[in-house]
Amino acid sequence: MAKKIIFSSISVILGLVFVFSGLTKLYPIELFELTFVDLGVASWYTAPVIARLMISIEFFLGIMLILNFSLRKFTLKATIAILVVFTVYLIVQLIMEGNKGNCKCFGNVLVMTPLESIIKNLVMLAVSLVLYRWHKGFTLPFRKIIVILVVLSSLSLPFILNPPDFIVAYQSRQETVGYKLKLDTLYNSTDLKKPETELRNGKHIIAFMSLTCPHCRIAAYKLHILKKQDPDIPIFFILNGKDQDIAPFFEDTKATNIPYMLLLGKRFVDLAGYNLPRILLINNLIVEEKVNYIDLNYNSINKWLKK
């Protein structure tokens, strides 16, 4: 009996880790969604669905492990398989990009490098194998009904807790456009390092962002993907924050492929305002469009560039 209680408790703890992992990915879910776009396995429109389905799998396995239900027949086999897939992906990421940044296994709640996450997965794999060898789990009545209820709840929870933007219509605030953006200060101020990009001529996407703003990081990650998909898209960051926040910002957003400059104090506020991120589409200094980071995607940007 003691052995049964110990192994049942271990299964519950393992299940809670999966549920916790799914919940932490939901807020903010945008960074998790964009991972699939960055990998090239999803489009801007399918990524929100794929991300939530992945979280549904974590919820499903977590609940089944907590219930100690159908462990040897299905649950532990599926758990081992998904952990192997996650670990292989992390190993590839470690080889390709190095042991840097947040793997987003627990969203932004618990920051882990790829190597740390690999170690975590190996521990979970070892626990799963021990359970598979020594623990049969419980035989519950109404087996089919329980499975159906767990599947339905797991599938629906991510979409209920954090609905995709195409389900909840986002009402962006109408803002004035057609005015001239006064960028001369970036080039004429003696205490500033001039931008290497000439922003006063032609079309440019200028993103004003704070280095510590979570919404800005989502926007920067989206813009990084745009630039990765089409290196000719003229994107420039004007950032506000402390020097020590620069490295974490670019590690989290992977936006090292985009030129930037730091602009502090009143000069930043005069250009960007207080609501960040501020993404402006300018043409010869005239602000033609203002894009909310939620609505930002390749098709809308490409359409503006071709006008």
C-alpha atoms as a PDB file:
ATOM      1  CA  MET A   1       0.000   0.000   0.000  1.00  0.00           C
ATOM      2  CA  ALA A   2       2.842   2.390   0.877  1.00  0.00           C
ATOM      3  CA  LYS A   3       4.445   1.681  -2.502  1.00  0.00           C
ATOM      4  CA  LYS A   4       1.124   2.400  -4.244  1.00  0.00           C
ATOM      5  CA  ILE A   5       0.744   5.713  -2.399  1.00  0.00           C
ATOM      6  CA  ILE A   6       4.314   6.801  -3.207  1.00  0.00           C
ATOM      7  CA  PHE A   7       4.075   6.022  -6.922  1.00  0.00           C
ATOM      8  CA  SER A   8       0.584   7.549  -7.154  1.00  0.00           C
ATOM      9  CA  SER A   9       1.911  10.751  -5.561  1.00  0.00           C
ATOM     10  CA  ILE A  10       4.825  10.841  -8.005  1.00  0.00           C
ATOM     11  CA  SER A  11       2.382  10.487 -10.903  1.00  0.00           C
ATOM     12  CA  VAL A  12       0.323  13.382  -9.516  1.00  0.00           C
ATOM     13  CA  ILE A  13       3.427  15.580  -9.208  1.00  0.00           C
ATOM     14  CA  LEU A  14       4.457  14.725 -12.776  1.00  0.00           C
ATOM     15  CA  GLY A  15       0.952  15.597 -13.970  1.00  0.00           C
ATOM     16  CA  LEU A  16       1.009  18.915 -12.105  1.00  0.00           C
ATOM     17  CA  VAL A  17       4.262  19.823 -13.895  1.00  0.00           C
ATOM     18  CA  PHE A  18       2.528  19.311 -17.256  1.00  0.00           C
ATOM     19  CA  VAL A  19      -0.507  21.362 -16.187  1.00  0.00           C
ATOM     20  CA  PHE A  20       1.736  24.113 -14.799  1.00  0.00           C
ATOM     21  CA  SER A  21       3.755  24.125 -18.033  1.00  0.00           C
ATOM     22  CA  GLY A  22       0.576  24.564 -20.077  1.00  0.00           C
ATOM     23  CA  LEU A  23      -0.810  27.336 -17.879  1.00  0.00           C
ATOM     24  CA  THR A  24       2.403  29.364 -17.889  1.00  0.00           C
ATOM     25  CA  LYS A  25       2.552  29.255 -21.693  1.00  0.00           C
ATOM     26  CA  LEU A  26      -0.876  30.898 -21.887  1.00  0.00           C
ATOM     27  CA  TYR A  27       0.213  34.257 -20.453  1.00  0.00           C
ATOM     28  CA  PRO A  28       1.534  35.666 -22.681  1.00  0.00           C
ATOM     29  CA  ILE A  29       0.825  33.027 -25.311  1.00  0.00           C
ATOM     30  CA  GLU A  30       1.997  35.222 -28.192  1.00  0.00           C
ATOM     31  CA  LEU A  31       5.682  34.352 -27.657  1.00  0.00           C
ATOM     32  CA  PHE A  32       4.816  30.650 -27.723  1.00  0.00           C
ATOM     33  CA  GLU A  33       2.712  31.133 -30.882  1.00  0.00           C
ATOM     34  CA  LEU A  34       5.527  32.943 -32.645  1.00  0.00           C
ATOM     35  CA  THR A  35       7.932  30.082 -31.953  1.00  0.00           C
ATOM     36  CA  PHE A  36       6.038  27.978 -34.504  1.00  0.00           C
ATOM     37  CA  VAL A  37       6.149  30.785 -37.092  1.00  0.00           C
ATOM     38  CA  ASP A  38       9.860  31.245 -36.459  1.00  0.00           C
ATOM     39  CA  LEU A  39      10.436  27.516 -36.951  1.00  0.00           C
ATOM     40  CA  GLY A  40       8.533  27.636 -40.241  1.00  0.00           C
ATOM     41  CA  VAL A  41       5.980  24.999 -39.187  1.00  0.00           C
ATOM     42  CA  ALA A  42       3.033  27.404 -39.005  1.00  0.00           C
ATOM     43  CA  SER A  43       1.743  30.576 -40.620  1.00  0.00           C
ATOM     44  CA  TRP A  44       0.718  33.768 -38.824  1.00  0.00           C
ATOM     45  CA  TYR A  45      -2.863  32.496 -38.913  1.00  0.00           C
ATOM     46  CA  THR A  46      -2.386  28.837 -37.930  1.00  0.00           C
ATOM     47  CA  ALA A  47       0.163  29.432 -35.152  1.00  0.00           C
ATOM     48  CA  PRO A  48      -2.463  30.505 -32.542  1.00  0.00           C
ATOM     49  CA  VAL A  49      -4.357  27.243 -33.073  1.00  0.00           C
ATOM     50  CA  ILE A  50      -1.251  25.023 -33.103  1.00  0.00           C
ATOM     51  CA  ALA A  51       0.082  26.656 -29.925  1.00  0.00           C
ATOM     52  CA  ARG A  52      -3.177  26.028 -28.076  1.00  0.00           C
ATOM     53  CA  LEU A  53      -3.357  22.443 -29.313  1.00  0.00           C
ATOM     54  CA  MET A  54       0.142  21.834 -27.938  1.00  0.00           C
ATOM     55  CA  ILE A  55      -0.980  23.231 -24.599  1.00  0.00           C
ATOM     56  CA  SER A  56      -4.060  20.980 -24.810  1.00  0.00           C
ATOM     57  CA  ILE A  57      -1.761  17.948 -25.073  1.00  0.00           C
ATOM     58  CA  GLU A  58       0.052  19.063 -21.914  1.00  0.00           C
ATOM     59  CA  PHE A  59      -3.265  19.550 -20.107  1.00  0.00           C
ATOM     60  CA  PHE A  60      -4.514  16.131 -21.261  1.00  0.00           C
ATOM     61  CA  LEU A  61      -1.403  14.253 -20.154  1.00  0.00           C
ATOM     62  CA  GLY A  62      -1.275  16.234 -16.920  1.00  0.00           C
ATOM     63  CA  ILE A  63      -4.864  15.405 -15.982  1.00  0.00           C
ATOM     64  CA  MET A  64      -4.455  11.723 -16.910  1.00  0.00           C
ATOM     65  CA  LEU A  65      -1.296  11.513 -14.769  1.00  0.00           C
ATOM     66  CA  ILE A  66      -3.023  13.231 -11.862  1.00  0.00           C
ATOM     67  CA  LEU A  67      -5.861  10.719 -12.103  1.00  0.00           C
ATOM     68  CA  ASN A  68      -3.306   7.855 -12.367  1.00  0.00           C
ATOM     69  CA  PHE A  69      -5.521   6.658 -15.180  1.00  0.00           C
ATOM     70  CA  SER A  70      -4.600   4.170 -17.944  1.00  0.00           C
ATOM     71  CA  LEU A  71      -0.916   4.667 -17.171  1.00  0.00           C
ATOM     72  CA  ARG A  72       0.716   1.626 -18.771  1.00  0.00           C
ATOM     73  CA  LYS A  73      -1.773   1.267 -21.591  1.00  0.00           C
ATOM     74  CA  PHE A  74      -1.536   4.841 -22.885  1.00  0.00           C
ATOM     75  CA  THR A  75      -0.712   7.761 -20.577  1.00  0.00           C
ATOM     76  CA  LEU A  76       2.917   6.996 -19.744  1.00  0.00           C
ATOM     77  CA  LYS A  77       3.697   5.892 -23.311  1.00  0.00           C
ATOM     78  CA  ALA A  78       2.358   9.217 -24.610  1.00  0.00           C
ATOM     79  CA  THR A  79       4.212  11.100 -21.867  1.00  0.00           C
ATOM     80  CA  ILE A  80       7.522   9.447 -22.757  1.00  0.00           C
ATOM     81  CA  ALA A  81       6.961  10.097 -26.479  1.00  0.00           C
ATOM     82  CA  ILE A  82       6.175  13.813 -26.019  1.00  0.00           C
ATOM     83  CA  LEU A  83       9.160  14.283 -23.694  1.00  0.00           C
ATOM     84  CA  VAL A  84      11.453  12.648 -26.276  1.00  0.00           C
ATOM     85  CA  VAL A  85      10.111  14.966 -29.011  1.00  0.00           C
ATOM     86  CA  PHE A  86      10.565  18.066 -26.805  1.00  0.00           C
ATOM     87  CA  THR A  87      14.087  16.972 -25.849  1.00  0.00           C
ATOM     88  CA  VAL A  88      15.160  16.362 -29.445  1.00  0.00           C
ATOM     89  CA  TYR A  89      13.865  19.817 -30.394  1.00  0.00           C
ATOM     90  CA  LEU A  90      15.782  21.418 -27.516  1.00  0.00           C
ATOM     91  CA  ILE A  91      18.976  19.582 -28.480  1.00  0.00           C
ATOM     92  CA  VAL A  92      18.651  20.897 -32.048  1.00  0.00           C
ATOM     93  CA  GLN A  93      18.020  24.397 -30.689  1.00  0.00           C
ATOM     94  CA  LEU A  94      21.068  24.081 -28.421  1.00  0.00           C
ATOM     95  CA  ILE A  95      23.270  23.041 -31.348  1.00  0.00           C
ATOM     96  CA  MET A  96      21.920  25.672 -33.769  1.00  0.00           C
ATOM     97  CA  GLU A  97      21.609  28.703 -31.463  1.00  0.00           C
ATOM     98  CA  GLY A  98      23.613  27.872 -28.359  1.00  0.00           C
ATOM     99  CA  ASN A  99      22.534  27.755 -24.739  1.00  0.00           C
ATOM    100  CA  LYS A 100      20.963  31.191 -24.583  1.00  0.00           C
ATOM    101  CA  GLY A 101      17.574  32.769 -24.175  1.00  0.00           C
ATOM    102  CA  ASN A 102      14.402  31.372 -22.687  1.00  0.00           C
ATOM    103  CA  CYS A 103      13.158  28.079 -24.144  1.00  0.00           C
ATOM    104  CA  LYS A 104       9.648  29.115 -22.992  1.00  0.00           C
ATOM    105  CA  CYS A 105       8.913  25.675 -21.524  1.00  0.00           C
ATOM    106  CA  PHE A 106       7.293  27.530 -18.628  1.00  0.00           C
ATOM    107  CA  GLY A 107       6.514  30.749 -20.471  1.00  0.00           C
ATOM    108  CA  ASN A 108       7.988  33.793 -18.757  1.00  0.00           C
ATOM    109  CA  VAL A 109       7.122  32.566 -15.267  1.00  0.00           C
ATOM    110  CA  LEU A 110      10.165  30.319 -14.987  1.00  0.00           C
ATOM    111  CA  VAL A 111      12.982  31.212 -17.354  1.00  0.00           C
ATOM    112  CA  MET A 112      15.036  28.212 -18.467  1.00  0.00           C
ATOM    113  CA  THR A 113      17.828  27.868 -20.994  1.00  0.00           C
ATOM    114  CA  PRO A 114      17.661  24.988 -23.507  1.00  0.00           C
ATOM    115  CA  LEU A 115      20.230  23.001 -21.502  1.00  0.00           C
ATOM    116  CA  GLU A 116      18.318  23.454 -18.248  1.00  0.00           C
ATOM    117  CA  SER A 117      15.133  22.343 -19.972  1.00  0.00           C
ATOM    118  CA  ILE A 118      16.859  19.279 -21.444  1.00  0.00           C
ATOM    119  CA  ILE A 119      17.970  18.279 -17.950  1.00  0.00           C
ATOM    120  CA  LYS A 120      14.423  18.839 -16.665  1.00  0.00           C
ATOM    121  CA  ASN A 121      13.016  16.646 -19.459  1.00  0.00           C
ATOM    122  CA  LEU A 122      15.547  13.878 -18.772  1.00  0.00           C
ATOM    123  CA  VAL A 123      14.526  13.835 -15.108  1.00  0.00           C
ATOM    124  CA  MET A 124      10.852  13.651 -16.136  1.00  0.00           C
ATOM    125  CA  LEU A 125      11.686  10.864 -18.593  1.00  0.00           C
ATOM    126  CA  ALA A 126      13.443   8.884 -15.863  1.00  0.00           C
ATOM    127  CA  VAL A 127      10.459   9.329 -13.542  1.00  0.00           C
ATOM    128  CA  SER A 128       8.070   8.261 -16.319  1.00  0.00           C
ATOM    129  CA  LEU A 129      10.102   5.110 -17.005  1.00  0.00           C
ATOM    130  CA  VAL A 130      10.143   4.208 -13.301  1.00  0.00           C
ATOM    131  CA  LEU A 131       6.376   4.666 -13.140  1.00  0.00           C
ATOM    132  CA  TYR A 132       5.910   2.571 -16.277  1.00  0.00           C
ATOM    133  CA  ARG A 133       7.952  -0.254 -14.760  1.00  0.00           C
ATOM    134  CA  TRP A 134       6.515  -0.237 -11.238  1.00  0.00           C
ATOM    135  CA  HIS A 135       3.115   1.470 -11.239  1.00  0.00           C
ATOM    136  CA  LYS A 136      -0.053   0.278 -12.946  1.00  0.00           C
ATOM    137  CA  GLY A 137      -2.206   3.209 -11.888  1.00  0.00           C
ATOM    138  CA  PHE A 138      -5.891   2.965 -11.059  1.00  0.00           C
ATOM    139  CA  THR A 139      -8.770   1.234 -12.767  1.00  0.00           C
ATOM    140  CA  LEU A 140     -11.657   3.689 -12.730  1.00  0.00           C
ATOM    141  CA  PRO A 141     -15.294   3.043 -13.649  1.00  0.00           C
ATOM    142  CA  PHE A 142     -16.852   4.715 -16.696  1.00  0.00           C
ATOM    143  CA  ARG A 143     -13.498   4.653 -18.495  1.00  0.00           C
ATOM    144  CA  LYS A 144     -14.767   5.907 -21.868  1.00  0.00           C
ATOM    145  CA  ILE A 145     -16.743   8.748 -20.294  1.00  0.00           C
ATOM    146  CA  ILE A 146     -13.706   9.870 -18.288  1.00  0.00           C
ATOM    147  CA  VAL A 147     -11.469   9.888 -21.364  1.00  0.00           C
ATOM    148  CA  ILE A 148     -14.031  11.871 -23.381  1.00  0.00           C
ATOM    149  CA  LEU A 149     -14.422  14.430 -20.570  1.00  0.00           C
ATOM    150  CA  VAL A 150     -10.655  14.820 -20.181  1.00  0.00           C
ATOM    151  CA  VAL A 151     -10.158  15.223 -23.946  1.00  0.00           C
ATOM    152  CA  LEU A 152     -12.937  17.812 -24.264  1.00  0.00           C
ATOM    153  CA  SER A 153     -11.801  19.818 -21.250  1.00  0.00           C
ATOM    154  CA  SER A 154      -8.149  19.731 -22.347  1.00  0.00           C
ATOM    155  CA  LEU A 155      -9.004  20.874 -25.878  1.00  0.00           C
ATOM    156  CA  SER A 156     -11.307  23.670 -24.789  1.00  0.00           C
ATOM    157  CA  LEU A 157      -9.378  25.145 -21.841  1.00  0.00           C
ATOM    158  CA  PRO A 158      -6.606  26.931 -23.813  1.00  0.00           C
ATOM    159  CA  PHE A 159      -9.200  28.501 -26.140  1.00  0.00           C
ATOM    160  CA  ILE A 160     -11.418  29.547 -23.213  1.00  0.00           C
ATOM    161  CA  LEU A 161      -8.671  30.862 -20.921  1.00  0.00           C
ATOM    162  CA  ASN A 162      -6.896  32.810 -23.673  1.00  0.00           C
ATOM    163  CA  PRO A 163      -8.932  32.964 -26.911  1.00  0.00           C
ATOM    164  CA  PRO A 164      -7.065  33.620 -30.184  1.00  0.00           C
ATOM    165  CA  ASP A 165      -7.254  37.147 -31.562  1.00  0.00           C
ATOM    166  CA  PHE A 166      -9.382  35.992 -34.492  1.00  0.00           C
ATOM    167  CA  ILE A 167     -12.047  34.775 -32.033  1.00  0.00           C
ATOM    168  CA  VAL A 168     -12.038  37.880 -29.864  1.00  0.00           C
ATOM    169  CA  ALA A 169     -12.151  40.793 -32.292  1.00  0.00           C
ATOM    170  CA  TYR A 170      -9.502  43.299 -31.301  1.00  0.00           C
ATOM    171  CA  GLN A 171     -10.677  46.882 -31.484  1.00  0.00           C
ATOM    172  CA  SER A 172      -7.606  48.966 -32.165  1.00  0.00           C
ATOM    173  CA  ARG A 173      -7.776  52.598 -31.260  1.00  0.00           C
ATOM    174  CA  GLN A 174      -7.956  54.968 -34.204  1.00  0.00           C
ATOM    175  CA  GLU A 175      -4.952  57.261 -34.220  1.00  0.00           C
ATOM    176  CA  THR A 176      -4.008  60.218 -36.337  1.00  0.00           C
ATOM    177  CA  VAL A 177      -1.778  59.573 -39.337  1.00  0.00           C
ATOM    178  CA  GLY A 178      -0.470  61.753 -42.151  1.00  0.00           C
ATOM    179  CA  TYR A 179       1.817  63.876 -39.979  1.00  0.00           C
ATOM    180  CA  LYS A 180       5.574  64.335 -40.307  1.00  0.00           C
ATOM    181  CA  LEU A 181       7.756  62.412 -37.872  1.00  0.00           C
ATOM    182  CA  LYS A 182      10.484  64.715 -36.603  1.00  0.00           C
ATOM    183  CA  LEU A 183      13.538  62.472 -36.805  1.00  0.00           C
ATOM    184  CA  ASP A 184      16.123  65.210 -37.364  1.00  0.00           C
ATOM    185  CA  THR A 185      16.977  65.079 -33.661  1.00  0.00           C
ATOM    186  CA  LEU A 186      18.388  61.573 -34.168  1.00  0.00           C
ATOM    187  CA  TYR A 187      20.919  62.914 -36.671  1.00  0.00           C
ATOM    188  CA  ASN A 188      21.623  66.426 -35.350  1.00  0.00           C
ATOM    189  CA  SER A 189      22.117  65.776 -31.629  1.00  0.00           C
ATOM    190  CA  THR A 190      25.811  65.649 -30.747  1.00  0.00           C
ATOM    191  CA  ASP A 191      25.249  63.338 -27.763  1.00  0.00           C
ATOM    192  CA  LEU A 192      23.579  60.628 -29.853  1.00  0.00           C
ATOM    193  CA  LYS A 193      25.140  58.035 -32.085  1.00  0.00           C
ATOM    194  CA  LYS A 194      23.494  58.587 -35.444  1.00  0.00           C
ATOM    195  CA  PRO A 195      21.463  55.695 -36.859  1.00  0.00           C
ATOM    196  CA  GLU A 196      23.382  53.821 -39.538  1.00  0.00           C
ATOM    197  CA  THR A 197      20.102  53.636 -41.465  1.00  0.00           C
ATOM    198  CA  GLU A 198      18.881  56.808 -43.177  1.00  0.00           C
ATOM    199  CA  LEU A 199      15.300  56.893 -41.913  1.00  0.00           C
ATOM    200  CA  ARG A 200      14.366  60.233 -43.461  1.00  0.00           C
ATOM    201  CA  ASN A 201      14.196  58.914 -47.010  1.00  0.00           C
ATOM    202  CA  GLY A 202      11.919  56.187 -48.366  1.00  0.00           C
ATOM    203  CA  LYS A 203       9.726  53.702 -46.559  1.00  0.00           C
ATOM    204  CA  HIS A 204      10.630  52.386 -43.109  1.00  0.00           C
ATOM    205  CA  ILE A 205       8.977  50.501 -40.280  1.00  0.00           C
ATOM    206  CA  ILE A 206      10.036  52.183 -37.061  1.00  0.00           C
ATOM    207  CA  ALA A 207       9.218  50.457 -33.781  1.00  0.00           C
ATOM    208  CA  PHE A 208       9.451  52.440 -30.551  1.00  0.00           C
ATOM    209  CA  MET A 209       9.829  50.034 -27.643  1.00  0.00           C
ATOM    210  CA  SER A 210      10.857  49.796 -24.023  1.00  0.00           C
ATOM    211  CA  LEU A 211      13.466  47.171 -23.224  1.00  0.00           C
ATOM    212  CA  THR A 212      11.449  45.906 -20.241  1.00  0.00           C
ATOM    213  CA  CYS A 213       7.930  46.056 -21.725  1.00  0.00           C
ATOM    214  CA  PRO A 214       6.500  42.515 -22.268  1.00  0.00           C
ATOM    215  CA  HIS A 215       4.265  43.687 -25.130  1.00  0.00           C
ATOM    216  CA  CYS A 216       7.280  45.291 -26.767  1.00  0.00           C
ATOM    217  CA  ARG A 217       9.099  41.972 -26.649  1.00  0.00           C
ATOM    218  CA  ILE A 218       6.208  40.273 -28.424  1.00  0.00           C
ATOM    219  CA  ALA A 219       6.292  43.005 -31.076  1.00  0.00           C
ATOM    220  CA  ALA A 220      10.082  42.688 -31.434  1.00  0.00           C
ATOM    221  CA  TYR A 221       9.830  38.913 -31.859  1.00  0.00           C
ATOM    222  CA  LYS A 222       7.185  39.393 -34.583  1.00  0.00           C
ATOM    223  CA  LEU A 223       9.353  41.946 -36.351  1.00  0.00           C
ATOM    224  CA  HIS A 224      12.345  39.600 -36.108  1.00  0.00           C
ATOM    225  CA  ILE A 225      10.313  36.918 -37.908  1.00  0.00           C
ATOM    226  CA  LEU A 226       9.243  39.413 -40.590  1.00  0.00           C
ATOM    227  CA  LYS A 227      12.866  40.360 -41.159  1.00  0.00           C
ATOM    228  CA  LYS A 228      13.878  36.694 -41.224  1.00  0.00           C
ATOM    229  CA  GLN A 229      11.200  35.914 -43.819  1.00  0.00           C
ATOM    230  CA  ASP A 230      12.198  38.882 -45.961  1.00  0.00           C
ATOM    231  CA  PRO A 231      15.562  40.517 -45.142  1.00  0.00           C
ATOM    232  CA  ASP A 232      14.706  43.447 -47.441  1.00  0.00           C
ATOM    233  CA  ILE A 233      11.932  44.728 -45.151  1.00  0.00           C
ATOM    234  CA  PRO A 234      13.258  48.045 -43.749  1.00  0.00           C
ATOM    235  CA  ILE A 235      12.746  47.725 -39.976  1.00  0.00           C
ATOM    236  CA  PHE A 236      14.397  49.876 -37.324  1.00  0.00           C
ATOM    237  CA  PHE A 237      14.092  49.841 -33.518  1.00  0.00           C
ATOM    238  CA  ILE A 238      14.230  52.944 -31.340  1.00  0.00           C
ATOM    239  CA  LEU A 239      14.602  51.616 -27.815  1.00  0.00           C
ATOM    240  CA  ASN A 240      14.245  53.117 -24.375  1.00  0.00           C
ATOM    241  CA  GLY A 241      15.880  51.583 -21.311  1.00  0.00           C
ATOM    242  CA  LYS A 242      19.059  50.805 -19.464  1.00  0.00           C
ATOM    243  CA  ASP A 243      22.167  49.302 -21.026  1.00  0.00           C
ATOM    244  CA  GLN A 244      21.949  46.178 -18.867  1.00  0.00           C
ATOM    245  CA  ASP A 245      18.507  45.410 -20.323  1.00  0.00           C
ATOM    246  CA  ILE A 246      19.714  45.319 -23.939  1.00  0.00           C
ATOM    247  CA  ALA A 247      21.168  41.793 -23.888  1.00  0.00           C
ATOM    248  CA  PRO A 248      18.107  40.161 -22.206  1.00  0.00           C
ATOM    249  CA  PHE A 249      15.805  41.980 -24.654  1.00  0.00           C
ATOM    250  CA  PHE A 250      17.580  40.602 -27.723  1.00  0.00           C
ATOM    251  CA  GLU A 251      18.027  37.127 -26.201  1.00  0.00           C
ATOM    252  CA  ASP A 252      14.281  36.921 -25.606  1.00  0.00           C
ATOM    253  CA  THR A 253      13.198  38.361 -28.962  1.00  0.00           C
ATOM    254  CA  LYS A 254      16.035  37.002 -31.186  1.00  0.00           C
ATOM    255  CA  ALA A 255      15.836  40.351 -32.986  1.00  0.00           C
ATOM    256  CA  THR A 256      19.580  40.733 -33.512  1.00  0.00           C
ATOM    257  CA  ASN A 257      18.889  40.932 -37.261  1.00  0.00           C
ATOM    258  CA  ILE A 258      17.302  44.384 -36.831  1.00  0.00           C
ATOM    259  CA  PRO A 259      19.297  47.620 -36.415  1.00  0.00           C
ATOM    260  CA  TYR A 260      18.509  49.803 -33.421  1.00  0.00           C
ATOM    261  CA  MET A 261      19.461  52.811 -31.355  1.00  0.00           C
ATOM    262  CA  LEU A 262      18.836  53.911 -27.778  1.00  0.00           C
ATOM    263  CA  LEU A 263      16.870  57.090 -27.189  1.00  0.00           C
ATOM    264  CA  LEU A 264      16.099  58.169 -23.653  1.00  0.00           C
ATOM    265  CA  GLY A 265      13.995  60.644 -21.741  1.00  0.00           C
ATOM    266  CA  LYS A 266      11.911  63.416 -23.273  1.00  0.00           C
ATOM    267  CA  ARG A 267      13.249  62.887 -26.797  1.00  0.00           C
ATOM    268  CA  PHE A 268      11.917  59.335 -26.823  1.00  0.00           C
ATOM    269  CA  VAL A 269       8.521  60.373 -25.432  1.00  0.00           C
ATOM    270  CA  ASP A 270       8.218  63.237 -27.925  1.00  0.00           C
ATOM    271  CA  LEU A 271       8.514  60.762 -30.810  1.00  0.00           C
ATOM    272  CA  ALA A 272       6.880  57.647 -29.359  1.00  0.00           C
ATOM    273  CA  GLY A 273       4.328  58.911 -26.865  1.00  0.00           C
ATOM    274  CA  TYR A 274       3.490  56.864 -23.772  1.00  0.00           C
ATOM    275  CA  ASN A 275       1.664  53.859 -25.261  1.00  0.00           C
ATOM    276  CA  LEU A 276       4.194  51.220 -26.237  1.00  0.00           C
ATOM    277  CA  PRO A 277       5.034  49.487 -28.456  1.00  0.00           C
ATOM    278  CA  ARG A 278       4.457  52.160 -31.104  1.00  0.00           C
ATOM    279  CA  ILE A 279       4.977  50.810 -34.626  1.00  0.00           C
ATOM    280  CA  LEU A 280       4.915  53.416 -37.373  1.00  0.00           C
ATOM    281  CA  LEU A 281       4.987  52.893 -41.126  1.00  0.00           C
ATOM    282  CA  ILE A 282       6.639  55.998 -42.550  1.00  0.00           C
ATOM    283  CA  ASN A 283       7.254  57.163 -46.089  1.00  0.00           C
ATOM    284  CA  ASN A 284       9.697  60.061 -46.462  1.00  0.00           C
ATOM    285  CA  LEU A 285       9.041  60.943 -42.792  1.00  0.00           C
ATOM    286  CA  ILE A 286       5.239  60.952 -43.250  1.00  0.00           C
ATOM    287  CA  VAL A 287       3.450  58.546 -40.907  1.00  0.00           C
ATOM    288  CA  GLU A 288       1.156  56.657 -43.266  1.00  0.00           C
ATOM    289  CA  GLU A 289      -0.005  53.925 -40.879  1.00  0.00           C
ATOM    290  CA  LYS A 290       0.192  52.924 -37.224  1.00  0.00           C
ATOM    291  CA  VAL A 291       0.128  49.183 -36.600  1.00  0.00           C
ATOM    292  CA  ASN A 292      -0.903  47.506 -33.376  1.00  0.00           C
ATOM    293  CA  TYR A 293       1.520  44.720 -32.504  1.00  0.00           C
ATOM    294  CA  ILE A 294      -1.385  42.259 -32.278  1.00  0.00           C
ATOM    295  CA  ASP A 295      -2.383  42.923 -35.897  1.00  0.00           C
ATOM    296  CA  LEU A 296       1.188  42.828 -37.173  1.00  0.00           C
ATOM    297  CA  ASN A 297       1.783  40.223 -39.890  1.00  0.00           C
ATOM    298  CA  TYR A 298       3.739  39.730 -43.099  1.00  0.00           C
ATOM    299  CA  ASN A 299       0.802  40.203 -45.483  1.00  0.00           C
ATOM    300  CA  SER A 300      -0.216  43.621 -44.152  1.00  0.00           C
ATOM    301  CA  ILE A 301       3.379  44.884 -44.115  1.00  0.00           C
ATOM    302  CA  ASN A 302       4.105  43.571 -47.604  1.00  0.00           C
ATOM    303  CA  LYS A 303       0.919  45.189 -48.919  1.00  0.00           C
ATOM    304  CA  TRP A 304       1.991  48.586 -47.546  1.00  0.00           C
ATOM    305  CA  LEU A 305       5.517  48.258 -48.952  1.00  0.00           C
ATOM    306  CA  LYS A 306       4.148  47.555 -52.456  1.00  0.00           C
ATOM    307  CA  LYS A 307       1.777  50.527 -52.514  1.00  0.00           C
END
